C-alpha cells in the first residue's frame, strides 16, 4: 500500500491555484453526499450551492482539473468524486500521527472522519508518562521520546499538533527533523518551519473572535437602524485594508 512518504498530490505540478485547492474538499464533501443518495449527475449551479460557492467560480475551478461537464446534463458525480479525490491525494493511504493527547487530541483521535477520507491515525504521542500505554480510540498512546522511531516505522509525512502552545514549536521541529513535511497545528501559536514544510493552522479562539466581531457589527447596525447610539464598530478608513476591507486577525 502506498504511503504519504513516497507519493505527493499532483496539484502543485499541475499549477492549480491554492484558492482552488482549498475549495476542492468542499466540492468533494458535497459530491460525496450526492453519491450516497445515488444522484448520478449534478449541474454546476446545484453543486455550487451545495458547496457554498458561486457557479462561475466552480466552473473555473473544475477547468483546472480538465473537467467541464456536459451541456444540458451536468457533471458525472462518481467521476468527479474520483477526480477530486485523486487530485487531493486521497486515493492512497496517508498515515498520520497526533502529538498531544489531552482533551482535544483525544477528540481528534476519536474522530471517525479520518479513515473515511483517506487518513489513518498511525500513532498517538504524548509527553505525559501517565498516558503511555493508555488506549484512546483503540490506539495505545506512546511517549514522545519515541517520536522519531514512530515516524520512521510508520512512514508518516503528516503530523497533527494538539499540544499546549509552549511545547508546540519543539514538537514541530522534532517532527520536521524526523521527516514530516505537512503539519496541522491546533496549538494556539504560530510555528516556524523551513521551506518545503506545509503548515495549516486551526485556532478555535481566533474563529470565535472573528464571529464576535461580526456580532458586534450587526448589533451596531441594528442600533443605528433604531436610532440608538452605535457602540462599537470603527468606520474610520485608517482601520481598513488597502481594498477597504477590515484587516484579518492573522494571515490566512
Foldseek 3Di string as FASTA:
>chain_A
DDEPLPDDACPVVLPQDPVLLVQLVLLLVLLVVCVVVVNFFDALCVSCVSSVHHSVVVQVSCVSLVDRADVPTHGGSVVSNVSSLRNRVQVEAYEEEEEAPDPVSLVVLQDPVQVVRRYDDQAYEYQDPVQAQPDRNNHGYHYPVCVLVSCVVVVHQEYEYPHEQVCVQVVVVVSVVSHHQEYEYAYPDDYDDDPRHHYHYDDPVLVVVVVVLVVLVVVQVVCVVVVHHRPDDDPDQVQADPVRHRDRPDDD
